[in-house]
N, C-alpha and C. Protein backbone atom coordinates (compact mmCIF):
# COMPACT_ATOMS: atom_id res chain seq x y z
N MET A 1 -7.33 22.50 11.96
CA MET A 1 -6.64 21.25 11.54
C MET A 1 -5.70 21.49 10.33
N SER A 2 -4.64 20.72 10.29
CA SER A 2 -3.72 20.94 9.16
C SER A 2 -4.10 20.09 7.96
N VAL A 3 -4.73 18.98 8.17
CA VAL A 3 -5.28 18.16 7.06
C VAL A 3 -6.35 19.06 6.40
N LEU A 4 -6.41 19.06 5.06
CA LEU A 4 -7.52 19.80 4.42
C LEU A 4 -8.80 19.03 4.66
N GLY A 5 -9.80 19.61 5.29
CA GLY A 5 -11.04 18.99 5.60
C GLY A 5 -11.02 18.20 6.88
N ASN A 6 -12.10 17.50 7.11
CA ASN A 6 -12.30 16.80 8.36
C ASN A 6 -12.31 15.24 8.25
N ALA A 7 -11.85 14.73 7.03
CA ALA A 7 -11.84 13.30 6.80
C ALA A 7 -10.75 12.99 5.86
N CYS A 8 -10.37 11.75 5.84
CA CYS A 8 -9.32 11.20 4.90
C CYS A 8 -9.74 9.82 4.43
N LEU A 9 -9.26 9.44 3.22
CA LEU A 9 -9.33 8.06 2.78
C LEU A 9 -7.86 7.71 2.63
N ALA A 10 -7.45 6.74 3.53
CA ALA A 10 -6.07 6.23 3.57
C ALA A 10 -6.10 4.82 3.00
N MET A 11 -5.09 4.57 2.09
CA MET A 11 -5.04 3.28 1.44
C MET A 11 -3.60 2.75 1.30
N TRP A 12 -3.45 1.41 1.45
CA TRP A 12 -2.18 0.80 1.21
C TRP A 12 -2.41 -0.42 0.33
N TRP A 13 -1.46 -0.68 -0.58
CA TRP A 13 -1.55 -1.86 -1.36
C TRP A 13 -0.12 -2.17 -1.97
N ASP A 14 0.01 -3.32 -2.55
CA ASP A 14 1.25 -3.70 -3.16
C ASP A 14 1.03 -3.69 -4.64
N MET A 15 2.09 -3.23 -5.38
CA MET A 15 2.04 -3.18 -6.88
C MET A 15 3.30 -3.81 -7.39
N ALA A 16 3.20 -4.87 -8.17
CA ALA A 16 4.31 -5.63 -8.74
C ALA A 16 5.23 -4.72 -9.53
N PRO A 17 6.55 -4.90 -9.45
CA PRO A 17 7.45 -4.06 -10.30
C PRO A 17 7.16 -3.98 -11.72
N GLU A 18 6.74 -5.07 -12.30
CA GLU A 18 6.52 -5.05 -13.80
C GLU A 18 5.28 -4.22 -14.16
N MET A 19 4.44 -3.83 -13.19
CA MET A 19 3.22 -3.06 -13.42
C MET A 19 3.42 -1.59 -12.98
N ARG A 20 4.57 -1.26 -12.38
CA ARG A 20 4.72 0.04 -11.72
C ARG A 20 4.67 1.19 -12.70
N VAL A 21 5.32 1.08 -13.94
CA VAL A 21 5.32 2.19 -14.81
C VAL A 21 3.94 2.46 -15.31
N GLU A 22 3.25 1.46 -15.74
CA GLU A 22 1.89 1.75 -16.22
C GLU A 22 0.96 2.25 -15.12
N PHE A 23 1.12 1.61 -13.91
CA PHE A 23 0.32 2.08 -12.79
C PHE A 23 0.50 3.50 -12.52
N GLU A 24 1.75 3.99 -12.42
CA GLU A 24 2.03 5.40 -12.08
C GLU A 24 1.44 6.32 -13.19
N HIS A 25 1.56 5.90 -14.44
CA HIS A 25 1.02 6.73 -15.53
C HIS A 25 -0.53 6.76 -15.35
N TRP A 26 -1.15 5.70 -15.20
CA TRP A 26 -2.60 5.68 -15.00
C TRP A 26 -3.08 6.49 -13.73
N HIS A 27 -2.35 6.23 -12.59
CA HIS A 27 -2.76 6.78 -11.39
C HIS A 27 -2.53 8.36 -11.38
N SER A 28 -1.55 8.73 -12.08
CA SER A 28 -1.19 10.20 -12.15
C SER A 28 -2.13 10.95 -13.13
N HIS A 29 -2.39 10.34 -14.33
CA HIS A 29 -3.00 11.10 -15.43
C HIS A 29 -4.45 10.73 -15.71
N GLU A 30 -4.96 9.61 -15.06
CA GLU A 30 -6.40 9.34 -15.17
C GLU A 30 -7.03 9.35 -13.81
N HIS A 31 -6.49 8.57 -12.89
CA HIS A 31 -7.14 8.27 -11.66
C HIS A 31 -7.20 9.50 -10.71
N PHE A 32 -6.07 10.14 -10.51
CA PHE A 32 -6.04 11.41 -9.65
C PHE A 32 -7.00 12.43 -10.25
N PRO A 33 -6.93 12.82 -11.56
CA PRO A 33 -7.91 13.75 -12.08
C PRO A 33 -9.36 13.36 -11.86
N GLU A 34 -9.62 12.05 -12.07
CA GLU A 34 -10.99 11.54 -11.84
C GLU A 34 -11.44 11.79 -10.41
N ARG A 35 -10.62 11.36 -9.44
CA ARG A 35 -10.97 11.48 -8.04
C ARG A 35 -11.07 12.93 -7.63
N LEU A 36 -10.18 13.73 -8.07
CA LEU A 36 -10.18 15.18 -7.68
C LEU A 36 -11.29 15.95 -8.30
N GLY A 37 -11.86 15.39 -9.35
CA GLY A 37 -13.11 16.01 -9.88
C GLY A 37 -14.40 15.76 -9.12
N ILE A 38 -14.31 14.91 -8.07
CA ILE A 38 -15.48 14.56 -7.26
C ILE A 38 -15.65 15.60 -6.17
N PRO A 39 -16.83 16.22 -6.01
CA PRO A 39 -16.96 17.16 -4.94
C PRO A 39 -16.55 16.60 -3.52
N GLY A 40 -15.80 17.35 -2.84
CA GLY A 40 -15.34 16.98 -1.49
C GLY A 40 -13.96 16.46 -1.41
N PHE A 41 -13.37 16.08 -2.62
CA PHE A 41 -11.96 15.71 -2.59
C PHE A 41 -11.11 16.87 -2.73
N LEU A 42 -10.23 17.16 -1.73
CA LEU A 42 -9.49 18.39 -1.63
C LEU A 42 -8.02 18.21 -1.97
N ARG A 43 -7.45 17.11 -1.72
CA ARG A 43 -6.03 16.82 -2.08
C ARG A 43 -5.80 15.30 -2.16
N ALA A 44 -4.99 14.93 -3.08
CA ALA A 44 -4.58 13.49 -3.25
C ALA A 44 -3.11 13.44 -3.24
N THR A 45 -2.54 12.52 -2.49
CA THR A 45 -1.12 12.31 -2.36
C THR A 45 -0.73 10.86 -2.42
N ARG A 46 0.26 10.53 -3.28
CA ARG A 46 0.74 9.11 -3.31
C ARG A 46 2.21 9.07 -2.88
N TRP A 47 2.50 8.07 -2.09
CA TRP A 47 3.87 7.77 -1.77
C TRP A 47 4.13 6.35 -2.11
N THR A 48 5.39 5.95 -2.34
CA THR A 48 5.78 4.59 -2.60
C THR A 48 6.84 4.12 -1.60
N SER A 49 6.92 2.84 -1.42
CA SER A 49 7.76 2.29 -0.32
C SER A 49 9.16 2.81 -0.42
N ALA A 50 9.68 3.30 0.72
CA ALA A 50 10.97 3.84 0.79
C ALA A 50 11.97 2.82 1.34
N THR A 51 11.49 1.61 1.51
CA THR A 51 12.40 0.56 2.15
C THR A 51 12.60 -0.65 1.15
N GLY A 52 12.30 -0.40 -0.12
CA GLY A 52 12.61 -1.42 -1.11
C GLY A 52 11.42 -2.41 -1.40
N GLY A 53 10.31 -2.18 -0.81
CA GLY A 53 9.14 -3.03 -1.00
C GLY A 53 8.30 -2.60 -2.19
N GLU A 54 7.12 -3.26 -2.43
CA GLU A 54 6.24 -3.00 -3.50
C GLU A 54 5.12 -2.06 -3.00
N GLY A 55 5.14 -1.64 -1.79
CA GLY A 55 4.05 -0.91 -1.17
C GLY A 55 3.75 0.54 -1.73
N ILE A 56 2.44 0.80 -1.79
CA ILE A 56 1.97 2.13 -2.19
C ILE A 56 1.13 2.61 -0.97
N PHE A 57 1.29 3.92 -0.74
CA PHE A 57 0.38 4.56 0.30
C PHE A 57 -0.19 5.78 -0.36
N VAL A 58 -1.58 5.85 -0.33
CA VAL A 58 -2.30 6.98 -0.90
C VAL A 58 -3.18 7.54 0.19
N MET A 59 -3.26 8.92 0.29
CA MET A 59 -4.16 9.58 1.15
C MET A 59 -4.88 10.71 0.49
N TYR A 60 -6.23 10.60 0.47
CA TYR A 60 -7.03 11.65 -0.02
C TYR A 60 -7.66 12.45 1.15
N GLU A 61 -7.50 13.68 1.06
CA GLU A 61 -8.01 14.65 2.12
C GLU A 61 -9.41 15.11 1.62
N LEU A 62 -10.47 15.03 2.50
CA LEU A 62 -11.83 15.18 2.13
C LEU A 62 -12.42 16.26 3.08
N THR A 63 -13.47 16.86 2.51
CA THR A 63 -14.24 17.88 3.34
C THR A 63 -14.92 17.22 4.55
N ALA A 64 -15.46 15.99 4.35
CA ALA A 64 -16.17 15.36 5.43
C ALA A 64 -16.28 13.84 5.12
N HIS A 65 -16.54 13.05 6.19
CA HIS A 65 -16.61 11.60 6.00
C HIS A 65 -17.76 11.22 5.05
N ALA A 66 -18.77 12.00 4.97
CA ALA A 66 -19.89 11.64 4.05
C ALA A 66 -19.54 11.65 2.65
N VAL A 67 -18.40 12.18 2.24
CA VAL A 67 -17.95 12.19 0.85
C VAL A 67 -17.71 10.72 0.41
N VAL A 68 -17.28 9.83 1.30
CA VAL A 68 -16.98 8.47 0.80
C VAL A 68 -18.25 7.64 0.56
N SER A 69 -19.45 8.15 0.90
CA SER A 69 -20.70 7.52 0.48
C SER A 69 -21.54 8.42 -0.37
N SER A 70 -20.94 9.52 -0.95
CA SER A 70 -21.71 10.44 -1.79
C SER A 70 -22.04 9.80 -3.08
N PRO A 71 -23.16 10.24 -3.72
CA PRO A 71 -23.55 9.65 -5.03
C PRO A 71 -22.43 9.81 -6.14
N ALA A 72 -21.77 10.93 -6.11
CA ALA A 72 -20.72 11.15 -7.15
C ALA A 72 -19.52 10.16 -6.93
N TYR A 73 -19.10 9.95 -5.70
CA TYR A 73 -18.04 8.97 -5.49
C TYR A 73 -18.46 7.61 -5.73
N LEU A 74 -19.66 7.17 -5.38
CA LEU A 74 -20.15 5.86 -5.63
C LEU A 74 -20.29 5.59 -7.06
N ALA A 75 -20.69 6.61 -7.79
CA ALA A 75 -20.76 6.40 -9.33
C ALA A 75 -19.40 6.08 -9.88
N SER A 76 -18.37 6.80 -9.38
CA SER A 76 -16.98 6.52 -9.83
C SER A 76 -16.52 5.08 -9.47
N LEU A 77 -16.80 4.67 -8.22
CA LEU A 77 -16.45 3.36 -7.75
C LEU A 77 -17.12 2.22 -8.48
N ASN A 78 -18.33 2.49 -8.91
CA ASN A 78 -19.15 1.50 -9.55
C ASN A 78 -19.11 1.57 -11.03
N GLY A 79 -18.42 2.53 -11.58
CA GLY A 79 -18.24 2.67 -13.08
C GLY A 79 -16.81 2.92 -13.55
N PRO A 80 -15.95 1.98 -13.12
CA PRO A 80 -14.52 2.20 -13.47
C PRO A 80 -14.25 2.18 -14.93
N SER A 81 -13.35 3.03 -15.33
CA SER A 81 -12.91 3.08 -16.78
C SER A 81 -12.25 1.76 -17.17
N PRO A 82 -12.17 1.56 -18.50
CA PRO A 82 -11.41 0.33 -19.00
C PRO A 82 -9.99 0.27 -18.43
N TRP A 83 -9.33 1.40 -18.29
CA TRP A 83 -7.96 1.34 -17.77
C TRP A 83 -7.94 1.00 -16.29
N SER A 84 -8.88 1.59 -15.61
CA SER A 84 -9.04 1.29 -14.13
C SER A 84 -9.35 -0.22 -14.01
N THR A 85 -10.27 -0.68 -14.74
CA THR A 85 -10.65 -2.12 -14.72
C THR A 85 -9.43 -2.99 -14.94
N LYS A 86 -8.53 -2.62 -15.88
CA LYS A 86 -7.28 -3.37 -16.10
C LYS A 86 -6.37 -3.37 -14.93
N LEU A 87 -6.24 -2.23 -14.28
CA LEU A 87 -5.25 -2.03 -13.21
C LEU A 87 -5.67 -2.53 -11.84
N MET A 88 -6.98 -2.54 -11.58
CA MET A 88 -7.54 -2.83 -10.20
C MET A 88 -7.05 -4.23 -9.71
N PRO A 89 -7.06 -5.32 -10.55
CA PRO A 89 -6.64 -6.57 -10.06
C PRO A 89 -5.19 -6.60 -9.61
N HIS A 90 -4.44 -5.62 -10.02
CA HIS A 90 -2.97 -5.57 -9.61
C HIS A 90 -2.79 -4.82 -8.23
N HIS A 91 -3.91 -4.33 -7.69
CA HIS A 91 -3.82 -3.65 -6.36
C HIS A 91 -3.91 -4.83 -5.35
N ARG A 92 -2.76 -5.40 -5.01
CA ARG A 92 -2.79 -6.53 -4.09
C ARG A 92 -2.70 -6.18 -2.57
N ASN A 93 -3.37 -6.93 -1.74
CA ASN A 93 -3.30 -6.75 -0.31
C ASN A 93 -3.83 -5.40 0.06
N MET A 94 -4.93 -4.98 -0.51
CA MET A 94 -5.47 -3.64 -0.31
C MET A 94 -6.02 -3.49 1.15
N VAL A 95 -5.60 -2.35 1.74
CA VAL A 95 -6.13 -1.91 3.00
C VAL A 95 -6.68 -0.50 2.72
N ARG A 96 -8.02 -0.32 2.89
CA ARG A 96 -8.70 0.87 2.45
C ARG A 96 -9.52 1.34 3.66
N THR A 97 -9.18 2.48 4.10
CA THR A 97 -9.76 3.02 5.42
C THR A 97 -10.32 4.43 5.21
N GLN A 98 -11.61 4.49 5.51
CA GLN A 98 -12.40 5.75 5.42
C GLN A 98 -12.39 6.31 6.83
N CYS A 99 -11.80 7.52 6.98
CA CYS A 99 -11.46 8.00 8.30
C CYS A 99 -11.99 9.37 8.67
N HIS A 100 -12.31 9.63 9.92
CA HIS A 100 -12.42 10.91 10.50
C HIS A 100 -11.06 11.40 10.98
N VAL A 101 -10.77 12.61 10.88
CA VAL A 101 -9.56 13.19 11.41
C VAL A 101 -9.76 13.51 12.91
N LEU A 102 -8.95 12.81 13.72
CA LEU A 102 -9.04 13.02 15.26
C LEU A 102 -8.15 14.17 15.66
N GLU A 103 -6.93 14.20 15.10
CA GLU A 103 -5.93 15.18 15.48
C GLU A 103 -5.10 15.48 14.25
N SER A 104 -4.67 16.69 14.10
CA SER A 104 -3.84 17.06 12.93
C SER A 104 -2.94 18.22 13.28
N ARG A 105 -1.62 18.06 13.00
CA ARG A 105 -0.70 19.10 13.29
C ARG A 105 0.33 19.19 12.14
N GLY A 106 0.70 20.35 11.69
CA GLY A 106 1.72 20.54 10.73
C GLY A 106 1.29 20.09 9.36
N SER A 107 2.25 19.79 8.51
CA SER A 107 2.04 19.56 7.07
C SER A 107 1.58 18.07 6.87
N SER A 108 0.65 17.97 5.95
CA SER A 108 0.15 16.58 5.56
C SER A 108 0.96 16.00 4.37
N VAL A 109 1.80 16.85 3.72
CA VAL A 109 2.57 16.43 2.62
C VAL A 109 4.07 16.73 2.89
N ALA A 110 4.96 15.74 2.72
CA ALA A 110 6.38 15.98 2.81
C ALA A 110 7.09 14.84 2.08
N ARG A 111 8.41 14.93 1.99
CA ARG A 111 9.14 13.96 1.16
C ARG A 111 9.00 12.48 1.65
N GLN A 112 8.85 12.33 3.04
CA GLN A 112 8.74 11.07 3.58
C GLN A 112 7.48 10.94 4.41
N ALA A 113 6.87 9.82 4.53
CA ALA A 113 5.71 9.57 5.35
C ALA A 113 5.89 8.26 6.16
N LEU A 114 5.77 8.30 7.44
CA LEU A 114 5.77 7.13 8.29
C LEU A 114 4.25 6.87 8.59
N THR A 115 3.79 5.70 8.28
CA THR A 115 2.37 5.35 8.65
C THR A 115 2.40 4.23 9.70
N VAL A 116 1.51 4.34 10.62
CA VAL A 116 1.31 3.36 11.69
C VAL A 116 -0.20 3.01 11.76
N ARG A 117 -0.45 1.76 11.45
CA ARG A 117 -1.87 1.26 11.56
C ARG A 117 -2.00 0.52 12.90
N LEU A 118 -2.98 1.02 13.69
CA LEU A 118 -3.00 0.59 15.09
C LEU A 118 -4.49 0.58 15.62
N SER A 119 -4.66 -0.02 16.76
CA SER A 119 -5.95 0.02 17.47
C SER A 119 -5.78 0.33 18.87
N PRO A 120 -6.70 1.01 19.52
CA PRO A 120 -6.63 1.18 21.01
C PRO A 120 -6.95 -0.08 21.67
N ALA A 121 -6.30 -0.32 22.84
CA ALA A 121 -6.67 -1.44 23.70
C ALA A 121 -8.13 -1.18 24.26
N SER A 122 -8.75 -2.26 24.67
CA SER A 122 -10.15 -2.18 25.18
C SER A 122 -10.22 -1.10 26.29
N GLY A 123 -11.08 -0.16 26.10
CA GLY A 123 -11.43 0.87 27.10
C GLY A 123 -10.38 2.00 27.17
N ARG A 124 -9.33 1.98 26.25
CA ARG A 124 -8.27 2.97 26.35
C ARG A 124 -8.27 3.95 25.22
N ALA A 125 -9.26 4.08 24.42
CA ALA A 125 -9.25 4.93 23.20
C ALA A 125 -9.00 6.33 23.69
N ASP A 126 -9.66 6.89 24.64
CA ASP A 126 -9.52 8.29 24.95
C ASP A 126 -8.09 8.57 25.54
N THR A 127 -7.52 7.57 26.24
CA THR A 127 -6.21 7.73 26.85
C THR A 127 -5.19 7.73 25.72
N LEU A 128 -5.37 6.80 24.74
CA LEU A 128 -4.42 6.77 23.64
C LEU A 128 -4.45 8.02 22.78
N GLN A 129 -5.63 8.46 22.45
CA GLN A 129 -5.78 9.74 21.69
C GLN A 129 -5.14 10.93 22.38
N ALA A 130 -5.37 11.11 23.68
CA ALA A 130 -4.80 12.18 24.38
C ALA A 130 -3.27 12.12 24.43
N ALA A 131 -2.71 10.88 24.68
CA ALA A 131 -1.30 10.76 24.68
C ALA A 131 -0.65 11.07 23.33
N LEU A 132 -1.25 10.54 22.32
CA LEU A 132 -0.68 10.80 20.93
C LEU A 132 -0.78 12.26 20.60
N ALA A 133 -1.92 12.89 20.99
CA ALA A 133 -2.07 14.29 20.63
C ALA A 133 -1.05 15.20 21.26
N ALA A 134 -0.69 14.86 22.49
CA ALA A 134 0.28 15.60 23.21
C ALA A 134 1.69 15.48 22.58
N ARG A 135 2.00 14.27 22.12
CA ARG A 135 3.30 14.01 21.47
C ARG A 135 3.32 14.58 20.06
N MET A 136 2.18 14.59 19.32
CA MET A 136 2.18 15.09 17.96
C MET A 136 2.51 16.57 17.95
N ALA A 137 2.03 17.29 19.00
CA ALA A 137 2.32 18.74 19.07
C ALA A 137 3.86 18.95 19.23
N GLU A 138 4.58 17.99 19.82
CA GLU A 138 6.04 18.17 20.02
C GLU A 138 6.74 17.68 18.74
N TRP A 139 6.23 16.66 18.11
CA TRP A 139 6.99 16.07 16.94
C TRP A 139 7.10 17.09 15.78
N VAL A 140 6.03 17.85 15.58
CA VAL A 140 6.05 18.73 14.31
C VAL A 140 7.12 19.84 14.41
N GLY A 141 7.72 20.05 15.65
CA GLY A 141 8.83 21.06 15.77
C GLY A 141 10.16 20.47 15.85
N GLN A 142 10.25 19.20 15.68
CA GLN A 142 11.53 18.46 15.81
C GLN A 142 12.27 18.46 14.45
N PRO A 143 13.56 18.55 14.46
CA PRO A 143 14.36 18.44 13.18
C PRO A 143 14.00 17.20 12.39
N GLY A 144 13.72 17.41 11.13
CA GLY A 144 13.47 16.26 10.19
C GLY A 144 12.01 15.97 10.03
N LEU A 145 11.19 16.42 10.99
CA LEU A 145 9.73 16.06 11.00
C LEU A 145 8.92 17.35 10.53
N ALA A 146 7.69 17.07 9.98
CA ALA A 146 6.93 18.22 9.44
C ALA A 146 5.42 18.20 9.87
N GLY A 147 4.91 17.00 10.10
CA GLY A 147 3.50 16.89 10.50
C GLY A 147 3.10 15.61 11.06
N ALA A 148 1.95 15.58 11.80
CA ALA A 148 1.50 14.31 12.37
C ALA A 148 -0.05 14.40 12.41
N HIS A 149 -0.68 13.26 11.96
CA HIS A 149 -2.04 13.27 11.78
C HIS A 149 -2.70 11.94 12.30
N LEU A 150 -3.66 11.96 13.13
CA LEU A 150 -4.30 10.77 13.71
C LEU A 150 -5.72 10.63 13.08
N LEU A 151 -5.99 9.54 12.55
CA LEU A 151 -7.24 9.25 11.85
C LEU A 151 -7.94 7.95 12.46
N ARG A 152 -9.25 8.02 12.37
CA ARG A 152 -10.02 6.83 12.95
C ARG A 152 -11.01 6.35 11.90
N HIS A 153 -11.04 5.09 11.63
CA HIS A 153 -11.89 4.52 10.61
C HIS A 153 -13.31 4.41 11.00
N GLN A 154 -14.20 4.69 10.11
CA GLN A 154 -15.64 4.37 10.22
C GLN A 154 -16.13 3.79 8.96
N THR A 155 -16.66 2.59 8.93
CA THR A 155 -17.16 2.00 7.74
C THR A 155 -18.40 2.66 7.21
N PRO A 156 -18.44 3.11 6.04
CA PRO A 156 -19.63 3.76 5.51
C PRO A 156 -20.74 2.74 5.21
N ALA A 157 -21.98 3.12 5.31
CA ALA A 157 -23.06 2.16 5.08
C ALA A 157 -23.41 2.09 3.65
N ILE A 158 -22.53 1.49 2.88
CA ILE A 158 -22.72 1.23 1.45
C ILE A 158 -22.43 -0.21 1.06
N ALA A 159 -23.02 -0.59 -0.04
CA ALA A 159 -22.74 -1.95 -0.60
C ALA A 159 -21.35 -2.06 -1.15
N GLN A 160 -20.79 -3.27 -1.25
CA GLN A 160 -19.52 -3.49 -1.89
C GLN A 160 -19.58 -2.89 -3.31
N THR A 161 -18.51 -2.13 -3.69
CA THR A 161 -18.50 -1.56 -5.04
C THR A 161 -17.92 -2.44 -6.08
N THR A 162 -18.05 -2.01 -7.28
CA THR A 162 -17.47 -2.74 -8.44
C THR A 162 -16.00 -2.83 -8.30
N GLU A 163 -15.35 -1.70 -8.02
CA GLU A 163 -13.86 -1.73 -7.79
C GLU A 163 -13.45 -2.69 -6.77
N GLN A 164 -14.13 -2.79 -5.68
CA GLN A 164 -13.78 -3.68 -4.59
C GLN A 164 -14.00 -5.15 -5.05
N LYS A 165 -14.97 -5.40 -5.82
CA LYS A 165 -15.22 -6.72 -6.32
C LYS A 165 -14.11 -7.18 -7.26
N ILE A 166 -13.69 -6.24 -8.13
CA ILE A 166 -12.53 -6.53 -9.06
C ILE A 166 -11.31 -6.81 -8.23
N ARG A 167 -11.07 -6.14 -7.19
CA ARG A 167 -9.83 -6.38 -6.36
C ARG A 167 -9.95 -7.60 -5.47
N GLY A 168 -11.21 -8.09 -5.35
CA GLY A 168 -11.39 -9.34 -4.47
C GLY A 168 -11.72 -8.95 -3.05
N GLY A 169 -12.07 -7.75 -2.72
CA GLY A 169 -12.37 -7.31 -1.38
C GLY A 169 -11.18 -6.62 -0.70
N ASP A 170 -11.52 -5.70 0.20
CA ASP A 170 -10.50 -4.93 0.84
C ASP A 170 -10.53 -5.16 2.39
N GLN A 171 -9.34 -4.92 3.04
CA GLN A 171 -9.29 -4.87 4.45
C GLN A 171 -9.37 -3.39 4.88
N ALA A 172 -9.45 -3.16 6.17
CA ALA A 172 -9.49 -1.77 6.67
C ALA A 172 -8.63 -1.73 7.97
N ALA A 173 -7.91 -0.57 8.21
CA ALA A 173 -7.25 -0.33 9.43
C ALA A 173 -8.29 0.27 10.44
N ASP A 174 -7.91 0.31 11.67
CA ASP A 174 -8.78 0.88 12.76
C ASP A 174 -8.42 2.30 12.95
N TRP A 175 -7.30 2.56 13.47
CA TRP A 175 -6.71 3.95 13.58
C TRP A 175 -5.44 3.98 12.75
N VAL A 176 -5.21 5.20 12.25
CA VAL A 176 -4.02 5.44 11.40
C VAL A 176 -3.31 6.71 11.96
N LEU A 177 -2.03 6.58 12.11
CA LEU A 177 -1.16 7.71 12.44
C LEU A 177 -0.21 7.92 11.26
N VAL A 178 -0.24 9.14 10.70
CA VAL A 178 0.65 9.46 9.62
C VAL A 178 1.57 10.59 10.09
N VAL A 179 2.86 10.29 10.04
CA VAL A 179 3.83 11.32 10.44
C VAL A 179 4.67 11.72 9.18
N THR A 180 4.67 12.96 8.78
CA THR A 180 5.47 13.36 7.61
C THR A 180 6.72 14.08 7.98
N GLY A 181 7.66 14.04 7.08
CA GLY A 181 8.95 14.64 7.37
C GLY A 181 9.85 14.74 6.17
N TYR A 182 10.98 15.43 6.27
CA TYR A 182 11.91 15.58 5.24
C TYR A 182 13.17 14.79 5.45
N ASP A 183 13.34 14.09 6.61
CA ASP A 183 14.49 13.32 6.94
C ASP A 183 14.13 11.88 7.31
N ALA A 184 14.47 10.93 6.48
CA ALA A 184 14.08 9.54 6.65
C ALA A 184 14.64 9.00 8.03
N ALA A 185 15.84 9.46 8.38
CA ALA A 185 16.36 9.00 9.65
C ALA A 185 15.61 9.44 10.84
N ALA A 186 15.05 10.64 10.75
CA ALA A 186 14.21 11.13 11.91
C ALA A 186 12.93 10.26 12.09
N LEU A 187 12.32 9.92 10.92
CA LEU A 187 11.13 9.09 10.97
C LEU A 187 11.47 7.66 11.45
N ASP A 188 12.55 7.17 11.04
CA ASP A 188 13.01 5.81 11.47
C ASP A 188 13.26 5.82 12.98
N ALA A 189 13.84 6.84 13.45
CA ALA A 189 14.04 7.01 14.88
C ALA A 189 12.77 7.00 15.69
N LEU A 190 11.88 7.77 15.20
CA LEU A 190 10.54 7.89 15.84
C LEU A 190 9.83 6.50 15.84
N ALA A 191 9.96 5.78 14.74
CA ALA A 191 9.31 4.50 14.58
C ALA A 191 9.92 3.47 15.58
N SER A 192 11.18 3.55 15.85
CA SER A 192 11.87 2.59 16.68
C SER A 192 11.84 2.97 18.15
N ALA A 193 11.44 4.23 18.49
CA ALA A 193 11.40 4.64 19.88
C ALA A 193 9.99 4.96 20.38
N GLU A 194 9.54 6.18 20.17
CA GLU A 194 8.27 6.65 20.68
C GLU A 194 7.06 5.94 20.03
N LEU A 195 7.29 5.43 18.79
CA LEU A 195 6.17 4.76 18.08
C LEU A 195 6.45 3.24 17.93
N SER A 196 7.38 2.72 18.73
CA SER A 196 7.59 1.25 18.70
C SER A 196 6.33 0.61 19.32
N GLU A 197 6.27 -0.70 19.06
CA GLU A 197 5.09 -1.40 19.62
C GLU A 197 5.02 -1.31 21.14
N ALA A 198 6.15 -1.46 21.80
CA ALA A 198 6.19 -1.39 23.31
C ALA A 198 5.69 -0.05 23.77
N ALA A 199 6.20 1.04 23.11
CA ALA A 199 5.86 2.36 23.47
C ALA A 199 4.35 2.61 23.27
N LEU A 200 3.88 2.17 22.11
CA LEU A 200 2.45 2.39 21.84
C LEU A 200 1.56 1.63 22.81
N VAL A 201 1.91 0.45 23.15
CA VAL A 201 1.17 -0.33 24.19
C VAL A 201 1.04 0.38 25.50
N GLN A 202 2.22 0.99 25.89
CA GLN A 202 2.13 1.76 27.15
C GLN A 202 1.28 2.90 27.11
N LEU A 203 1.08 3.44 25.89
CA LEU A 203 0.22 4.65 25.76
C LEU A 203 -1.30 4.26 25.64
N GLY A 204 -1.52 2.95 25.43
CA GLY A 204 -2.95 2.52 25.43
C GLY A 204 -3.34 1.82 24.15
N ALA A 205 -2.34 1.51 23.24
CA ALA A 205 -2.64 0.77 21.98
C ALA A 205 -2.64 -0.76 22.27
N ALA A 206 -3.36 -1.46 21.42
CA ALA A 206 -3.32 -2.88 21.44
C ALA A 206 -2.03 -3.32 20.78
N PRO A 207 -1.57 -4.53 21.06
CA PRO A 207 -0.38 -5.12 20.38
C PRO A 207 -0.63 -5.23 18.88
N GLY A 208 0.44 -5.24 18.11
CA GLY A 208 0.39 -5.47 16.67
C GLY A 208 0.28 -4.37 15.69
N PRO A 209 0.81 -3.18 16.02
CA PRO A 209 0.76 -2.07 15.07
C PRO A 209 1.54 -2.43 13.81
N VAL A 210 1.20 -1.85 12.66
CA VAL A 210 1.84 -2.09 11.45
C VAL A 210 2.52 -0.80 10.95
N HIS A 211 3.83 -0.80 10.81
CA HIS A 211 4.59 0.45 10.40
C HIS A 211 5.04 0.30 8.95
N GLY A 212 5.09 1.48 8.32
CA GLY A 212 5.65 1.59 6.99
C GLY A 212 6.17 2.97 6.70
N ARG A 213 7.29 2.99 5.88
CA ARG A 213 7.75 4.33 5.57
C ARG A 213 7.81 4.49 4.02
N PHE A 214 7.35 5.65 3.57
CA PHE A 214 7.09 5.83 2.10
C PHE A 214 7.69 7.11 1.68
N ALA A 215 8.06 7.12 0.37
CA ALA A 215 8.64 8.32 -0.28
C ALA A 215 7.63 9.01 -1.19
N LEU A 216 7.61 10.35 -1.18
CA LEU A 216 6.60 11.07 -2.01
C LEU A 216 6.76 10.82 -3.51
N SER A 217 5.67 10.52 -4.12
CA SER A 217 5.61 10.35 -5.61
C SER A 217 4.90 11.45 -6.30
N LEU A 218 3.69 11.81 -5.79
CA LEU A 218 2.92 12.91 -6.38
C LEU A 218 1.84 13.41 -5.41
N SER A 219 1.68 14.76 -5.44
CA SER A 219 0.56 15.30 -4.64
C SER A 219 -0.12 16.33 -5.48
N ALA A 220 -1.44 16.42 -5.38
CA ALA A 220 -2.23 17.33 -6.25
C ALA A 220 -3.51 17.79 -5.56
N THR A 221 -3.99 18.94 -5.98
CA THR A 221 -5.33 19.40 -5.60
C THR A 221 -6.16 19.50 -6.87
N PRO A 222 -7.48 19.72 -6.69
CA PRO A 222 -8.28 19.85 -7.87
C PRO A 222 -7.84 20.96 -8.87
N ALA A 223 -7.26 21.99 -8.40
CA ALA A 223 -6.79 23.05 -9.24
C ALA A 223 -5.63 22.64 -10.12
N ASP A 224 -4.84 21.69 -9.64
CA ASP A 224 -3.68 21.19 -10.37
C ASP A 224 -4.11 20.34 -11.55
N MET A 225 -5.35 19.80 -11.53
CA MET A 225 -5.83 18.92 -12.56
C MET A 225 -6.50 19.59 -13.66
N ARG A 226 -6.72 20.87 -13.56
CA ARG A 226 -7.43 21.69 -14.56
C ARG A 226 -6.58 21.96 -15.83
């Protein structure tokens, strides 16, 4: 697999423009080092909306899904720093998804990321996964594209954490498709054709996928934080 490890934590939220400078300072210099110091966190990457919105997309690559319910991670979630406590209420419309990696091809980090939050139609999960896997193998060799990764959410058996309570609760996606690339136009073309709602429904997805395109802000591994 191209994603580091067998699991990912994928998150989307909105951050108001007046908080962006402090947020990026905190997220880069306190939050990423804190998270990457937890056993099982292999890489952290942040993208910001590439279409003029307030959206943030963050993906943590993990050794295994069990990391999201590990004692070390739960201690961090339930003991936020004063700076984290200040910033958490500004994470608006949080979608936080703890995922198994179903399929992974090519690079997980590039200048641009297209994310698609989707669900399989009833009884069509295997069909959808097989269809997307076949296309992902083709996409990673196309001009402008670099990688494609399919993730499936599984809610961990843990109580609501302190950070979640501060934010007012989180939503979760079902399946997540992340396509990375170096050419925004190539990603937009994919989103409007092979990954359009109509095309995805034909492959076995339920109606109502949510698309977003994001530009790279920062990517780091634990070694980068030492």
